[in-house]
Amino acid sequence: MASLTKKRNKLMQSHGFELHRETGKHLVWRDTSGHQLSTSKTPSDRHSFNQIERDIRRLLNHTY
């Protein structure tokens, strides 16, 4: 099984997010539409991947 870090990076790229910057303990991701999402550099627990998926879903379903 791939590490959570590799799994997170693959997930973010599959949704069109690219790493924008690394600050302190977080990674800031941005997609071509300008959506921005921050994730922790290291997973806090086994649910962190599911929480990232949830955040992506909520961000991309948001209508302006």
Protein backbone atom coordinates (compact mmCIF):
# COMPACT_ATOMS: atom_id res chain seq x y z
CA MET A 1 0.00 0.00 0.00
CA ALA A 2 1.29 3.44 -0.89
CA SER A 3 2.09 5.86 1.87
CA LEU A 4 -0.56 8.42 2.76
CA THR A 5 1.71 11.19 1.45
CA LYS A 6 1.94 9.61 -2.00
CA LYS A 7 -1.74 8.78 -1.93
CA ARG A 8 -2.58 12.42 -1.03
CA ASN A 9 -0.38 13.81 -3.81
CA LYS A 10 -1.97 11.49 -6.37
CA LEU A 11 -5.47 12.43 -5.19
CA MET A 12 -4.75 16.15 -5.40
CA GLN A 13 -3.28 15.85 -8.90
CA SER A 14 -6.21 13.72 -10.09
CA HIS A 15 -8.54 16.61 -9.16
CA GLY A 16 -6.37 19.16 -10.97
CA PHE A 17 -4.59 20.61 -7.93
CA GLU A 18 -0.92 21.54 -8.04
CA LEU A 19 1.29 22.32 -5.08
CA HIS A 20 1.34 26.10 -4.79
CA ARG A 21 3.56 26.51 -1.71
CA GLU A 22 4.78 24.86 1.46
CA THR A 23 4.43 26.93 4.60
CA GLY A 24 5.30 25.70 8.07
CA LYS A 25 3.36 22.52 8.68
CA HIS A 26 0.99 22.82 5.71
CA LEU A 27 0.90 22.39 1.95
CA VAL A 28 -1.17 24.84 -0.07
CA TRP A 29 -2.72 23.45 -3.26
CA ARG A 30 -4.35 25.44 -6.07
CA ASP A 31 -6.23 24.36 -9.19
CA THR A 32 -6.59 26.13 -12.53
CA SER A 33 -9.92 27.67 -11.45
CA GLY A 34 -8.24 29.37 -8.51
CA HIS A 35 -9.62 27.09 -5.80
CA GLN A 36 -7.20 26.80 -2.92
CA LEU A 37 -6.93 24.04 -0.33
CA SER A 38 -4.43 23.47 2.45
CA THR A 39 -3.44 20.09 3.86
CA SER A 40 -1.06 19.08 6.59
CA LYS A 41 2.39 17.89 5.54
CA THR A 42 2.03 14.74 7.63
CA PRO A 43 -1.14 12.76 8.27
CA SER A 44 -2.48 13.18 11.79
CA ASP A 45 -4.41 9.92 11.85
CA ARG A 46 -5.85 7.22 9.64
CA HIS A 47 -8.84 9.41 8.75
CA SER A 48 -6.81 12.26 7.28
CA PHE A 49 -7.08 10.97 3.70
CA ASN A 50 -10.88 10.77 3.97
CA GLN A 51 -10.96 14.31 5.36
CA ILE A 52 -8.95 15.59 2.38
CA GLU A 53 -11.38 13.86 0.00
CA ARG A 54 -14.28 15.51 1.86
CA ASP A 55 -12.63 18.95 1.66
CA ILE A 56 -12.08 18.57 -2.11
CA ARG A 57 -15.69 17.49 -2.62
CA ARG A 58 -17.00 20.44 -0.60
CA LEU A 59 -14.71 22.92 -2.36
CA LEU A 60 -15.53 21.79 -5.88
CA ASN A 61 -19.30 21.57 -5.23
CA HIS A 62 -19.40 25.14 -3.94
CA THR A 63 -21.22 27.42 -6.36
CA TYR A 64 -20.56 31.14 -6.62
